[in-house]
């Protein structure tokens, strides 16, 4: 559970901004979005494999551009 305490001479806007940063840094929202729907283990493996292939291709394209 993410929480922030109001500091002295701190506006509510600053407090809210600090809270949002903490939430993003903790990864709570990404976890909630990921667990919103059930995904089987085989589907998860397939998705991870696709991600890794995309990542490898991007790296190869970057190397080709640097060599040129």
C-alpha atoms as a PDB file:
ATOM      1  CA  UNK A   1       0.000   0.000   0.000  1.00  0.00           C
ATOM      2  CA  UNK A   2       1.510   3.298  -1.102  1.00  0.00           C
ATOM      3  CA  UNK A   3       1.084   6.252   1.213  1.00  0.00           C
ATOM      4  CA  UNK A   4       2.457   9.770   1.518  1.00  0.00           C
ATOM      5  CA  UNK A   5       2.410  12.168   4.452  1.00  0.00           C
ATOM      6  CA  UNK A   6       1.708  15.853   3.965  1.00  0.00           C
ATOM      7  CA  UNK A   7       4.894  17.827   4.576  1.00  0.00           C
ATOM      8  CA  UNK A   8       4.865  21.258   6.135  1.00  0.00           C
ATOM      9  CA  UNK A   9       4.280  24.041   3.580  1.00  0.00           C
ATOM     10  CA  UNK A  10       3.415  21.474   0.875  1.00  0.00           C
ATOM     11  CA  UNK A  11       0.458  22.107  -1.396  1.00  0.00           C
ATOM     12  CA  UNK A  12      -2.030  19.387  -2.215  1.00  0.00           C
ATOM     13  CA  UNK A  13      -0.891  19.456  -5.843  1.00  0.00           C
ATOM     14  CA  UNK A  14       2.688  18.666  -4.801  1.00  0.00           C
ATOM     15  CA  UNK A  15       1.431  15.934  -2.480  1.00  0.00           C
ATOM     16  CA  UNK A  16      -0.605  14.365  -5.280  1.00  0.00           C
ATOM     17  CA  UNK A  17       2.346  14.578  -7.676  1.00  0.00           C
ATOM     18  CA  UNK A  18       4.576  12.819  -5.132  1.00  0.00           C
ATOM     19  CA  UNK A  19       1.925  10.131  -4.579  1.00  0.00           C
ATOM     20  CA  UNK A  20       1.597   9.475  -8.317  1.00  0.00           C
ATOM     21  CA  UNK A  21       5.371   9.098  -8.650  1.00  0.00           C
ATOM     22  CA  UNK A  22       5.412   6.577  -5.796  1.00  0.00           C
ATOM     23  CA  UNK A  23       2.584   4.568  -7.360  1.00  0.00           C
ATOM     24  CA  UNK A  24       4.325   4.454 -10.742  1.00  0.00           C
ATOM     25  CA  UNK A  25       7.650   3.505  -9.144  1.00  0.00           C
ATOM     26  CA  UNK A  26       6.073   0.702  -7.088  1.00  0.00           C
ATOM     27  CA  UNK A  27       4.517  -0.844 -10.219  1.00  0.00           C
ATOM     28  CA  UNK A  28       1.064  -1.270  -8.699  1.00  0.00           C
ATOM     29  CA  UNK A  29      -0.837  -0.061 -11.761  1.00  0.00           C
ATOM     30  CA  UNK A  30       1.096  -2.250 -14.200  1.00  0.00           C
ATOM     31  CA  UNK A  31       0.443  -5.275 -11.986  1.00  0.00           C
ATOM     32  CA  UNK A  32      -3.271  -4.520 -11.808  1.00  0.00           C
ATOM     33  CA  UNK A  33      -3.502  -4.061 -15.572  1.00  0.00           C
ATOM     34  CA  UNK A  34      -1.598  -7.289 -16.183  1.00  0.00           C
ATOM     35  CA  UNK A  35      -3.802  -9.300 -13.797  1.00  0.00           C
ATOM     36  CA  UNK A  36      -7.063  -7.817 -15.033  1.00  0.00           C
ATOM     37  CA  UNK A  37      -7.711 -10.874 -17.218  1.00  0.00           C
ATOM     38  CA  UNK A  38      -6.549 -14.436 -16.710  1.00  0.00           C
ATOM     39  CA  UNK A  39      -3.773 -15.532 -19.058  1.00  0.00           C
ATOM     40  CA  UNK A  40      -2.725 -19.186 -19.126  1.00  0.00           C
ATOM     41  CA  UNK A  41       0.925 -20.108 -18.643  1.00  0.00           C
ATOM     42  CA  UNK A  42       1.284 -21.278 -22.237  1.00  0.00           C
ATOM     43  CA  UNK A  43      -0.141 -17.973 -23.489  1.00  0.00           C
ATOM     44  CA  UNK A  44       2.265 -16.087 -21.200  1.00  0.00           C
ATOM     45  CA  UNK A  45       5.221 -18.034 -22.608  1.00  0.00           C
ATOM     46  CA  UNK A  46       4.074 -17.304 -26.162  1.00  0.00           C
ATOM     47  CA  UNK A  47       3.784 -13.566 -25.403  1.00  0.00           C
ATOM     48  CA  UNK A  48       7.234 -13.489 -23.756  1.00  0.00           C
ATOM     49  CA  UNK A  49       8.738 -15.299 -26.748  1.00  0.00           C
ATOM     50  CA  UNK A  50       7.225 -12.718 -29.133  1.00  0.00           C
ATOM     51  CA  UNK A  51       8.600  -9.887 -26.979  1.00  0.00           C
ATOM     52  CA  UNK A  52      12.095 -11.357 -26.986  1.00  0.00           C
ATOM     53  CA  UNK A  53      12.032 -11.836 -30.770  1.00  0.00           C
ATOM     54  CA  UNK A  54      10.982  -8.189 -31.242  1.00  0.00           C
ATOM     55  CA  UNK A  55      13.719  -7.056 -28.855  1.00  0.00           C
ATOM     56  CA  UNK A  56      16.376  -9.086 -30.719  1.00  0.00           C
ATOM     57  CA  UNK A  57      15.235  -7.715 -34.086  1.00  0.00           C
ATOM     58  CA  UNK A  58      15.372  -4.131 -32.773  1.00  0.00           C
ATOM     59  CA  UNK A  59      18.929  -4.675 -31.547  1.00  0.00           C
ATOM     60  CA  UNK A  60      19.990  -6.088 -34.917  1.00  0.00           C
ATOM     61  CA  UNK A  61      18.477  -3.118 -36.771  1.00  0.00           C
ATOM     62  CA  UNK A  62      20.341  -0.762 -34.424  1.00  0.00           C
ATOM     63  CA  UNK A  63      23.640  -2.495 -35.179  1.00  0.00           C
ATOM     64  CA  UNK A  64      23.068  -2.212 -38.937  1.00  0.00           C
ATOM     65  CA  UNK A  65      22.393   1.528 -38.636  1.00  0.00           C
ATOM     66  CA  UNK A  66      25.534   2.054 -36.516  1.00  0.00           C
ATOM     67  CA  UNK A  67      27.693   0.185 -39.039  1.00  0.00           C
ATOM     68  CA  UNK A  68      26.476   2.316 -41.949  1.00  0.00           C
END
